[in-house]
Amino acid sequence: MLRKTLVVKHHGVAMALLLLTGVILLMPDYSFAQSSPDPTPMQCQLIRGAVAQYGFAAARRHALKTYGPEAVKTGDMFHETDRAKR
Protein backbone atom coordinates (compact mmCIF):
# COMPACT_ATOMS: atom_id res chain seq x y z
CA MET A 1 0.00 0.00 0.00
CA LEU A 2 2.82 2.39 0.87
CA ARG A 3 4.55 1.64 -2.43
CA LYS A 4 1.35 2.41 -4.38
CA THR A 5 0.98 5.72 -2.51
CA LEU A 6 4.55 6.70 -3.39
CA VAL A 7 4.00 5.83 -7.05
CA VAL A 8 0.82 7.93 -7.14
CA LYS A 9 2.64 10.87 -5.50
CA HIS A 10 5.55 10.54 -7.93
CA HIS A 11 3.12 10.44 -10.85
CA GLY A 12 1.40 13.60 -9.57
CA VAL A 13 4.71 15.43 -9.21
CA ALA A 14 5.81 14.34 -12.69
CA MET A 15 2.52 15.52 -14.21
CA ALA A 16 2.76 18.86 -12.40
CA LEU A 17 6.31 19.33 -13.65
CA LEU A 18 5.29 18.44 -17.18
CA LEU A 19 2.35 20.85 -17.02
CA LEU A 20 4.56 23.63 -15.66
CA THR A 21 7.09 23.06 -18.45
CA GLY A 22 4.31 23.21 -21.05
CA VAL A 23 2.93 26.45 -19.63
CA ILE A 24 6.37 28.05 -19.60
CA LEU A 25 7.01 27.05 -23.21
CA LEU A 26 3.62 28.29 -24.38
CA MET A 27 3.77 31.65 -22.61
CA PRO A 28 4.26 34.71 -24.81
CA ASP A 29 7.96 35.32 -25.08
CA TYR A 30 8.24 38.68 -23.36
CA SER A 31 11.87 37.86 -22.63
CA PHE A 32 12.53 38.30 -26.35
CA ALA A 33 10.95 41.74 -26.51
CA GLN A 34 12.99 44.08 -28.60
CA SER A 35 15.25 46.44 -26.72
CA SER A 36 15.43 48.94 -29.55
CA PRO A 37 12.71 51.60 -29.73
CA ASP A 38 12.72 51.37 -33.52
CA PRO A 39 9.91 49.30 -35.03
CA THR A 40 10.81 46.06 -36.77
CA PRO A 41 10.06 45.65 -40.50
CA MET A 42 7.04 43.47 -39.61
CA GLN A 43 5.70 46.14 -37.25
CA CYS A 44 6.21 48.76 -39.97
CA GLN A 45 4.21 46.65 -42.41
CA LEU A 46 1.40 46.24 -39.87
CA ILE A 47 1.36 49.98 -39.13
CA ARG A 48 1.25 50.81 -42.85
CA GLY A 49 -1.64 48.38 -43.36
CA ALA A 50 -3.63 49.77 -40.43
CA VAL A 51 -3.12 53.36 -41.58
CA ALA A 52 -4.06 52.48 -45.16
CA GLN A 53 -7.18 50.60 -44.10
CA TYR A 54 -8.50 52.71 -41.23
CA GLY A 55 -6.69 56.05 -41.45
CA PHE A 56 -3.98 57.40 -39.17
CA ALA A 57 -6.25 58.75 -36.42
CA ALA A 58 -8.30 55.55 -36.10
CA ALA A 59 -5.19 53.34 -36.14
CA ARG A 60 -3.60 55.54 -33.47
CA ARG A 61 -6.71 55.38 -31.25
CA HIS A 62 -6.83 51.61 -31.59
CA ALA A 63 -3.13 51.29 -30.72
CA LEU A 64 -3.58 53.48 -27.66
CA LYS A 65 -6.59 51.52 -26.43
CA THR A 66 -5.16 48.09 -27.22
CA TYR A 67 -1.40 48.36 -26.74
CA GLY A 68 -0.82 51.51 -24.67
CA PRO A 69 1.06 54.77 -25.06
CA GLU A 70 4.41 53.11 -25.79
CA ALA A 71 2.98 51.54 -28.95
CA VAL A 72 1.56 54.89 -30.03
CA LYS A 73 4.99 56.49 -29.61
CA THR A 74 6.54 53.75 -31.73
CA GLY A 75 3.85 54.15 -34.38
CA ASP A 76 4.22 57.93 -34.41
CA MET A 77 7.97 57.61 -34.76
CA PHE A 78 7.58 55.16 -37.65
CA HIS A 79 4.94 57.30 -39.35
CA GLU A 80 7.16 60.39 -39.19
CA THR A 81 10.17 58.56 -40.68
CA ASP A 82 7.98 56.88 -43.30
CA ARG A 83 6.52 60.22 -44.40
CA ALA A 84 10.02 61.76 -44.56
CA LYS A 85 11.15 59.01 -46.95
CA ARG A 86 8.37 59.80 -49.43
PDB file of N, CA and C in Angstrom:
ATOM      1  N   MET A   1       0.818  -1.202   0.000  1.00  0.00           N
ATOM      2  CA  MET A   1       0.000   0.000   0.000  1.00  0.00           C
ATOM      3  C   MET A   1       0.863   1.268   0.000  1.00  0.00           C
ATOM      4  N   LEU A   2       1.929   1.240   0.794  1.00  0.00           N
ATOM      5  CA  LEU A   2       2.819   2.392   0.867  1.00  0.00           C
ATOM      6  C   LEU A   2       3.497   2.624  -0.485  1.00  0.00           C
ATOM      7  N   ARG A   3       3.903   1.532  -1.128  1.00  0.00           N
ATOM      8  CA  ARG A   3       4.551   1.638  -2.434  1.00  0.00           C
ATOM      9  C   ARG A   3       3.606   2.259  -3.460  1.00  0.00           C
ATOM     10  N   LYS A   4       2.337   1.858  -3.440  1.00  0.00           N
ATOM     11  CA  LYS A   4       1.352   2.412  -4.376  1.00  0.00           C
ATOM     12  C   LYS A   4       1.152   3.903  -4.113  1.00  0.00           C
ATOM     13  N   THR A   5       1.143   4.310  -2.871  1.00  0.00           N
ATOM     14  CA  THR A   5       0.980   5.718  -2.510  1.00  0.00           C
ATOM     15  C   THR A   5       2.156   6.534  -3.032  1.00  0.00           C
ATOM     16  N   LEU A   6       3.373   5.988  -2.897  1.00  0.00           N
ATOM     17  CA  LEU A   6       4.552   6.701  -3.387  1.00  0.00           C
ATOM     18  C   LEU A   6       4.538   6.827  -4.900  1.00  0.00           C
ATOM     19  N   VAL A   7       4.085   5.785  -5.591  1.00  0.00           N
ATOM     20  CA  VAL A   7       3.997   5.829  -7.049  1.00  0.00           C
ATOM     21  C   VAL A   7       2.985   6.880  -7.486  1.00  0.00           C
ATOM     22  N   VAL A   8       1.858   6.939  -6.815  1.00  0.00           N
ATOM     23  CA  VAL A   8       0.821   7.926  -7.142  1.00  0.00           C
ATOM     24  C   VAL A   8       1.352   9.332  -6.894  1.00  0.00           C
ATOM     25  N   LYS A   9       2.072   9.548  -5.787  1.00  0.00           N
ATOM     26  CA  LYS A   9       2.637  10.870  -5.497  1.00  0.00           C
ATOM     27  C   LYS A   9       3.680  11.240  -6.550  1.00  0.00           C
ATOM     28  N   HIS A  10       4.526  10.287  -6.918  1.00  0.00           N
ATOM     29  CA  HIS A  10       5.550  10.542  -7.928  1.00  0.00           C
ATOM     30  C   HIS A  10       4.895  10.885  -9.275  1.00  0.00           C
ATOM     31  N   HIS A  11       3.845  10.176  -9.608  1.00  0.00           N
ATOM     32  CA  HIS A  11       3.118  10.438 -10.852  1.00  0.00           C
ATOM     33  C   HIS A  11       2.530  11.850 -10.833  1.00  0.00           C
ATOM     34  N   GLY A  12       1.976  12.260  -9.698  1.00  0.00           N
ATOM     35  CA  GLY A  12       1.402  13.599  -9.573  1.00  0.00           C
ATOM     36  C   GLY A  12       2.454  14.686  -9.716  1.00  0.00           C
ATOM     37  N   VAL A  13       3.624  14.451  -9.112  1.00  0.00           N
ATOM     38  CA  VAL A  13       4.715  15.425  -9.211  1.00  0.00           C
ATOM     39  C   VAL A  13       5.216  15.506 -10.657  1.00  0.00           C
ATOM     40  N   ALA A  14       5.349  14.366 -11.304  1.00  0.00           N
ATOM     41  CA  ALA A  14       5.805  14.344 -12.689  1.00  0.00           C
ATOM     42  C   ALA A  14       4.816  15.066 -13.603  1.00  0.00           C
ATOM     43  N   MET A  15       3.537  14.848 -13.387  1.00  0.00           N
ATOM     44  CA  MET A  15       2.525  15.518 -14.208  1.00  0.00           C
ATOM     45  C   MET A  15       2.541  17.025 -13.968  1.00  0.00           C
ATOM     46  N   ALA A  16       2.707  17.434 -12.708  1.00  0.00           N
ATOM     47  CA  ALA A  16       2.759  18.862 -12.396  1.00  0.00           C
ATOM     48  C   ALA A  16       3.974  19.505 -13.058  1.00  0.00           C
ATOM     49  N   LEU A  17       5.107  18.807 -13.022  1.00  0.00           N
ATOM     50  CA  LEU A  17       6.314  19.326 -13.648  1.00  0.00           C
ATOM     51  C   LEU A  17       6.148  19.417 -15.166  1.00  0.00           C
ATOM     52  N   LEU A  18       5.543  18.423 -15.745  1.00  0.00           N
ATOM     53  CA  LEU A  18       5.287  18.435 -17.180  1.00  0.00           C
ATOM     54  C   LEU A  18       4.338  19.573 -17.553  1.00  0.00           C
ATOM     55  N   LEU A  19       3.301  19.765 -16.769  1.00  0.00           N
ATOM     56  CA  LEU A  19       2.352  20.846 -17.020  1.00  0.00           C
ATOM     57  C   LEU A  19       3.029  22.204 -16.896  1.00  0.00           C
ATOM     58  N   LEU A  20       3.843  22.366 -15.865  1.00  0.00           N
ATOM     59  CA  LEU A  20       4.558  23.629 -15.664  1.00  0.00           C
ATOM     60  C   LEU A  20       5.494  23.914 -16.833  1.00  0.00           C
ATOM     61  N   THR A  21       6.194  22.898 -17.298  1.00  0.00           N
ATOM     62  CA  THR A  21       7.088  23.060 -18.447  1.00  0.00           C
ATOM     63  C   THR A  21       6.302  23.480 -19.687  1.00  0.00           C
ATOM     64  N   GLY A  22       5.154  22.849 -19.912  1.00  0.00           N
ATOM     65  CA  GLY A  22       4.314  23.215 -21.052  1.00  0.00           C
ATOM     66  C   GLY A  22       3.830  24.642 -20.980  1.00  0.00           C
ATOM     67  N   VAL A  23       3.418  25.070 -19.806  1.00  0.00           N
ATOM     68  CA  VAL A  23       2.929  26.447 -19.630  1.00  0.00           C
ATOM     69  C   VAL A  23       4.051  27.438 -19.902  1.00  0.00           C
ATOM     70  N   ILE A  24       5.232  27.140 -19.385  1.00  0.00           N
ATOM     71  CA  ILE A  24       6.368  28.049 -19.600  1.00  0.00           C
ATOM     72  C   ILE A  24       6.709  28.145 -21.082  1.00  0.00           C
ATOM     73  N   LEU A  25       6.683  27.025 -21.788  1.00  0.00           N
ATOM     74  CA  LEU A  25       7.010  27.048 -23.210  1.00  0.00           C
ATOM     75  C   LEU A  25       5.935  27.721 -24.055  1.00  0.00           C
ATOM     76  N   LEU A  26       4.700  27.703 -23.600  1.00  0.00           N
ATOM     77  CA  LEU A  26       3.619  28.292 -24.383  1.00  0.00           C
ATOM     78  C   LEU A  26       3.354  29.754 -24.043  1.00  0.00           C
ATOM     79  N   MET A  27       3.980  30.248 -23.000  1.00  0.00           N
ATOM     80  CA  MET A  27       3.767  31.645 -22.611  1.00  0.00           C
ATOM     81  C   MET A  27       4.310  32.571 -23.693  1.00  0.00           C
ATOM     82  N   PRO A  28       3.697  33.745 -23.853  1.00  0.00           N
ATOM     83  CA  PRO A  28       4.259  34.711 -24.807  1.00  0.00           C
ATOM     84  C   PRO A  28       5.690  35.035 -24.401  1.00  0.00           C
ATOM     85  N   ASP A  29       6.540  35.149 -25.368  1.00  0.00           N
ATOM     86  CA  ASP A  29       7.956  35.322 -25.075  1.00  0.00           C
ATOM     87  C   ASP A  29       8.308  36.792 -24.860  1.00  0.00           C
ATOM     88  N   TYR A  30       7.916  37.308 -23.696  1.00  0.00           N
ATOM     89  CA  TYR A  30       8.244  38.683 -23.355  1.00  0.00           C
ATOM     90  C   TYR A  30       9.746  38.846 -23.130  1.00  0.00           C
ATOM     91  N   SER A  31      10.423  37.756 -22.836  1.00  0.00           N
ATOM     92  CA  SER A  31      11.868  37.855 -22.633  1.00  0.00           C
ATOM     93  C   SER A  31      12.587  38.201 -23.929  1.00  0.00           C
ATOM     94  N   PHE A  32      11.931  37.975 -25.064  1.00  0.00           N
ATOM     95  CA  PHE A  32      12.533  38.296 -26.347  1.00  0.00           C
ATOM     96  C   PHE A  32      12.034  39.625 -26.893  1.00  0.00           C
ATOM     97  N   ALA A  33      11.436  40.434 -26.063  1.00  0.00           N
ATOM     98  CA  ALA A  33      10.949  41.736 -26.510  1.00  0.00           C
ATOM     99  C   ALA A  33      12.127  42.561 -27.010  1.00  0.00           C
ATOM    100  N   GLN A  34      11.884  43.336 -28.017  1.00  0.00           N
ATOM    101  CA  GLN A  34      12.990  44.078 -28.597  1.00  0.00           C
ATOM    102  C   GLN A  34      13.431  45.182 -27.655  1.00  0.00           C
ATOM    103  N   SER A  35      14.723  45.397 -27.592  1.00  0.00           N
ATOM    104  CA  SER A  35      15.251  46.436 -26.720  1.00  0.00           C
ATOM    105  C   SER A  35      15.373  47.768 -27.453  1.00  0.00           C
ATOM    106  N   SER A  36      15.336  47.727 -28.766  1.00  0.00           N
ATOM    107  CA  SER A  36      15.430  48.941 -29.555  1.00  0.00           C
ATOM    108  C   SER A  36      14.053  49.598 -29.671  1.00  0.00           C
ATOM    109  N   PRO A  37      14.009  50.931 -29.587  1.00  0.00           N
ATOM    110  CA  PRO A  37      12.711  51.600 -29.727  1.00  0.00           C
ATOM    111  C   PRO A  37      12.222  51.644 -31.171  1.00  0.00           C
ATOM    112  N   ASP A  38      13.113  51.334 -32.119  1.00  0.00           N
ATOM    113  CA  ASP A  38      12.720  51.370 -33.522  1.00  0.00           C
ATOM    114  C   ASP A  38      11.818  50.183 -33.858  1.00  0.00           C
ATOM    115  N   PRO A  39      10.784  50.415 -34.642  1.00  0.00           N
ATOM    116  CA  PRO A  39       9.905  49.303 -35.028  1.00  0.00           C
ATOM    117  C   PRO A  39      10.603  48.339 -35.980  1.00  0.00           C
ATOM    118  N   THR A  40      10.257  47.073 -35.872  1.00  0.00           N
ATOM    119  CA  THR A  40      10.810  46.058 -36.767  1.00  0.00           C
ATOM    120  C   THR A  40      10.135  46.189 -38.131  1.00  0.00           C
ATOM    121  N   PRO A  41      10.702  45.592 -39.176  1.00  0.00           N
ATOM    122  CA  PRO A  41      10.062  45.650 -40.499  1.00  0.00           C
ATOM    123  C   PRO A  41       8.634  45.087 -40.484  1.00  0.00           C
ATOM    124  N   MET A  42       8.392  44.035 -39.689  1.00  0.00           N
ATOM    125  CA  MET A  42       7.039  43.467 -39.609  1.00  0.00           C
ATOM    126  C   MET A  42       6.084  44.465 -38.949  1.00  0.00           C
ATOM    127  N   GLN A  43       6.544  45.137 -37.902  1.00  0.00           N
ATOM    128  CA  GLN A  43       5.702  46.141 -37.254  1.00  0.00           C
ATOM    129  C   GLN A  43       5.404  47.292 -38.217  1.00  0.00           C
ATOM    130  N   CYS A  44       6.401  47.684 -38.988  1.00  0.00           N
ATOM    131  CA  CYS A  44       6.205  48.756 -39.971  1.00  0.00           C
ATOM    132  C   CYS A  44       5.138  48.362 -40.988  1.00  0.00           C
ATOM    133  N   GLN A  45       5.197  47.133 -41.432  1.00  0.00           N
ATOM    134  CA  GLN A  45       4.215  46.652 -42.405  1.00  0.00           C
ATOM    135  C   GLN A  45       2.805  46.659 -41.790  1.00  0.00           C
ATOM    136  N   LEU A  46       2.701  46.242 -40.527  1.00  0.00           N
ATOM    137  CA  LEU A  46       1.395  46.241 -39.865  1.00  0.00           C
ATOM    138  C   LEU A  46       0.862  47.659 -39.663  1.00  0.00           C
ATOM    139  N   ILE A  47       1.768  48.579 -39.317  1.00  0.00           N
ATOM    140  CA  ILE A  47       1.357  49.980 -39.129  1.00  0.00           C
ATOM    141  C   ILE A  47       0.884  50.563 -40.454  1.00  0.00           C
ATOM    142  N   ARG A  48       1.650  50.316 -41.530  1.00  0.00           N
ATOM    143  CA  ARG A  48       1.246  50.808 -42.853  1.00  0.00           C
ATOM    144  C   ARG A  48      -0.128  50.281 -43.245  1.00  0.00           C
ATOM    145  N   GLY A  49      -0.352  48.988 -43.008  1.00  0.00           N
ATOM    146  CA  GLY A  49      -1.637  48.383 -43.357  1.00  0.00           C
ATOM    147  C   GLY A  49      -2.786  48.975 -42.577  1.00  0.00           C
ATOM    148  N   ALA A  50      -2.563  49.195 -41.266  1.00  0.00           N
ATOM    149  CA  ALA A  50      -3.627  49.774 -40.432  1.00  0.00           C
ATOM    150  C   ALA A  50      -3.940  51.198 -40.860  1.00  0.00           C
ATOM    151  N   VAL A  51      -2.908  51.971 -41.150  1.00  0.00           N
ATOM    152  CA  VAL A  51      -3.116  53.360 -41.578  1.00  0.00           C
ATOM    153  C   VAL A  51      -3.817  53.397 -42.930  1.00  0.00           C
ATOM    154  N   ALA A  52      -3.428  52.501 -43.832  1.00  0.00           N
ATOM    155  CA  ALA A  52      -4.055  52.475 -45.158  1.00  0.00           C
ATOM    156  C   ALA A  52      -5.517  52.048 -45.071  1.00  0.00           C
ATOM    157  N   GLN A  53      -5.806  51.120 -44.175  1.00  0.00           N
ATOM    158  CA  GLN A  53      -7.177  50.603 -44.099  1.00  0.00           C
ATOM    159  C   GLN A  53      -8.109  51.488 -43.288  1.00  0.00           C
ATOM    160  N   TYR A  54      -7.615  51.999 -42.155  1.00  0.00           N
ATOM    161  CA  TYR A  54      -8.503  52.714 -41.228  1.00  0.00           C
ATOM    162  C   TYR A  54      -8.208  54.204 -41.105  1.00  0.00           C
ATOM    163  N   GLY A  55      -7.080  54.659 -41.628  1.00  0.00           N
ATOM    164  CA  GLY A  55      -6.687  56.050 -41.452  1.00  0.00           C
ATOM    165  C   GLY A  55      -5.791  56.184 -40.230  1.00  0.00           C
ATOM    166  N   PHE A  56      -4.961  57.223 -40.230  1.00  0.00           N
ATOM    167  CA  PHE A  56      -3.976  57.402 -39.171  1.00  0.00           C
ATOM    168  C   PHE A  56      -4.631  57.590 -37.809  1.00  0.00           C
ATOM    169  N   ALA A  57      -5.634  58.446 -37.725  1.00  0.00           N
ATOM    170  CA  ALA A  57      -6.249  58.749 -36.424  1.00  0.00           C
ATOM    171  C   ALA A  57      -6.908  57.510 -35.805  1.00  0.00           C
ATOM    172  N   ALA A  58      -7.625  56.750 -36.616  1.00  0.00           N
ATOM    173  CA  ALA A  58      -8.297  55.546 -36.097  1.00  0.00           C
ATOM    174  C   ALA A  58      -7.281  54.485 -35.684  1.00  0.00           C
ATOM    175  N   ALA A  59      -6.222  54.314 -36.481  1.00  0.00           N
ATOM    176  CA  ALA A  59      -5.188  53.337 -36.145  1.00  0.00           C
ATOM    177  C   ALA A  59      -4.477  53.736 -34.855  1.00  0.00           C
ATOM    178  N   ARG A  60      -4.253  55.031 -34.690  1.00  0.00           N
ATOM    179  CA  ARG A  60      -3.596  55.537 -33.475  1.00  0.00           C
ATOM    180  C   ARG A  60      -4.480  55.323 -32.245  1.00  0.00           C
ATOM    181  N   ARG A  61      -5.774  55.611 -32.377  1.00  0.00           N
ATOM    182  CA  ARG A  61      -6.707  55.384 -31.251  1.00  0.00           C
ATOM    183  C   ARG A  61      -6.740  53.915 -30.862  1.00  0.00           C
ATOM    184  N   HIS A  62      -6.799  53.050 -31.861  1.00  0.00           N
ATOM    185  CA  HIS A  62      -6.831  51.613 -31.591  1.00  0.00           C
ATOM    186  C   HIS A  62      -5.547  51.166 -30.891  1.00  0.00           C
ATOM    187  N   ALA A  63      -4.403  51.651 -31.349  1.00  0.00           N
ATOM    188  CA  ALA A  63      -3.129  51.287 -30.724  1.00  0.00           C
ATOM    189  C   ALA A  63      -3.078  51.758 -29.274  1.00  0.00           C
ATOM    190  N   LEU A  64      -3.575  52.960 -29.023  1.00  0.00           N
ATOM    191  CA  LEU A  64      -3.575  53.485 -27.656  1.00  0.00           C
ATOM    192  C   LEU A  64      -4.457  52.648 -26.752  1.00  0.00           C
ATOM    193  N   LYS A  65      -5.644  52.301 -27.239  1.00  0.00           N
ATOM    194  CA  LYS A  65      -6.587  51.522 -26.432  1.00  0.00           C
ATOM    195  C   LYS A  65      -6.108  50.086 -26.233  1.00  0.00           C
ATOM    196  N   THR A  66      -5.530  49.501 -27.258  1.00  0.00           N
ATOM    197  CA  THR A  66      -5.164  48.090 -27.216  1.00  0.00           C
ATOM    198  C   THR A  66      -3.770  47.845 -26.658  1.00  0.00           C
ATOM    199  N   TYR A  67      -2.789  48.649 -27.078  1.00  0.00           N
ATOM    200  CA  TYR A  67      -1.397  48.365 -26.740  1.00  0.00           C
ATOM    201  C   TYR A  67      -0.762  49.358 -25.780  1.00  0.00           C
ATOM    202  N   GLY A  68      -1.358  50.541 -25.620  1.00  0.00           N
ATOM    203  CA  GLY A  68      -0.823  51.510 -24.675  1.00  0.00           C
ATOM    204  C   GLY A  68      -0.024  52.618 -25.333  1.00  0.00           C
ATOM    205  N   PRO A  69       0.380  53.587 -24.521  1.00  0.00           N
ATOM    206  CA  PRO A  69       1.057  54.774 -25.055  1.00  0.00           C
ATOM    207  C   PRO A  69       2.419  54.479 -25.693  1.00  0.00           C
ATOM    208  N   GLU A  70       3.105  53.445 -25.215  1.00  0.00           N
ATOM    209  CA  GLU A  70       4.411  53.114 -25.788  1.00  0.00           C
ATOM    210  C   GLU A  70       4.272  52.694 -27.255  1.00  0.00           C
ATOM    211  N   ALA A  71       3.221  51.952 -27.568  1.00  0.00           N
ATOM    212  CA  ALA A  71       2.977  51.537 -28.950  1.00  0.00           C
ATOM    213  C   ALA A  71       2.635  52.736 -29.821  1.00  0.00           C
ATOM    214  N   VAL A  72       1.911  53.691 -29.268  1.00  0.00           N
ATOM    215  CA  VAL A  72       1.560  54.894 -30.033  1.00  0.00           C
ATOM    216  C   VAL A  72       2.818  55.697 -30.348  1.00  0.00           C
ATOM    217  N   LYS A  73       3.730  55.785 -29.366  1.00  0.00           N
ATOM    218  CA  LYS A  73       4.986  56.490 -29.607  1.00  0.00           C
ATOM    219  C   LYS A  73       5.780  55.825 -30.731  1.00  0.00           C
ATOM    220  N   THR A  74       5.830  54.496 -30.689  1.00  0.00           N
ATOM    221  CA  THR A  74       6.541  53.750 -31.732  1.00  0.00           C
ATOM    222  C   THR A  74       5.884  53.976 -33.087  1.00  0.00           C
ATOM    223  N   GLY A  75       4.570  53.917 -33.136  1.00  0.00           N
ATOM    224  CA  GLY A  75       3.851  54.149 -34.379  1.00  0.00           C
ATOM    225  C   GLY A  75       4.037  55.559 -34.906  1.00  0.00           C
ATOM    226  N   ASP A  76       3.995  56.540 -34.001  1.00  0.00           N
ATOM    227  CA  ASP A  76       4.218  57.930 -34.409  1.00  0.00           C
ATOM    228  C   ASP A  76       5.617  58.109 -34.983  1.00  0.00           C
ATOM    229  N   MET A  77       6.598  57.497 -34.312  1.00  0.00           N
ATOM    230  CA  MET A  77       7.974  57.605 -34.764  1.00  0.00           C
ATOM    231  C   MET A  77       8.117  56.975 -36.159  1.00  0.00           C
ATOM    232  N   PHE A  78       7.519  55.818 -36.342  1.00  0.00           N
ATOM    233  CA  PHE A  78       7.579  55.158 -37.651  1.00  0.00           C
ATOM    234  C   PHE A  78       6.894  56.013 -38.706  1.00  0.00           C
ATOM    235  N   HIS A  79       5.722  56.530 -38.378  1.00  0.00           N
ATOM    236  CA  HIS A  79       4.940  57.296 -39.350  1.00  0.00           C
ATOM    237  C   HIS A  79       5.700  58.547 -39.790  1.00  0.00           C
ATOM    238  N   GLU A  80       6.383  59.192 -38.844  1.00  0.00           N
ATOM    239  CA  GLU A  80       7.164  60.386 -39.191  1.00  0.00           C
ATOM    240  C   GLU A  80       8.316  60.029 -40.120  1.00  0.00           C
ATOM    241  N   THR A  81       9.041  58.939 -39.825  1.00  0.00           N
ATOM    242  CA  THR A  81      10.171  58.562 -40.678  1.00  0.00           C
ATOM    243  C   THR A  81       9.678  58.044 -42.031  1.00  0.00           C
ATOM    244  N   ASP A  82       8.528  57.377 -42.042  1.00  0.00           N
ATOM    245  CA  ASP A  82       7.978  56.877 -43.296  1.00  0.00           C
ATOM    246  C   ASP A  82       7.540  58.024 -44.204  1.00  0.00           C
ATOM    247  N   ARG A  83       6.954  59.072 -43.611  1.00  0.00           N
ATOM    248  CA  ARG A  83       6.525  60.224 -44.402  1.00  0.00           C
ATOM    249  C   ARG A  83       7.742  61.002 -44.926  1.00  0.00           C
ATOM    250  N   ALA A  84       8.818  61.042 -44.142  1.00  0.00           N
ATOM    251  CA  ALA A  84      10.023  61.763 -44.562  1.00  0.00           C
ATOM    252  C   ALA A  84      10.681  61.077 -45.756  1.00  0.00           C
ATOM    253  N   LYS A  85      10.549  59.758 -45.843  1.00  0.00           N
ATOM    254  CA  LYS A  85      11.154  59.009 -46.954  1.00  0.00           C
ATOM    255  C   LYS A  85      10.430  59.263 -48.264  1.00  0.00           C
ATOM    256  N   ARG A  86       9.170  59.610 -48.199  1.00  0.00           N
ATOM    257  CA  ARG A  86       8.373  59.803 -49.430  1.00  0.00           C
ATOM    258  C   ARG A  86       8.606  61.117 -50.069  1.00  0.00           C
TER     259      ARG A  86
END
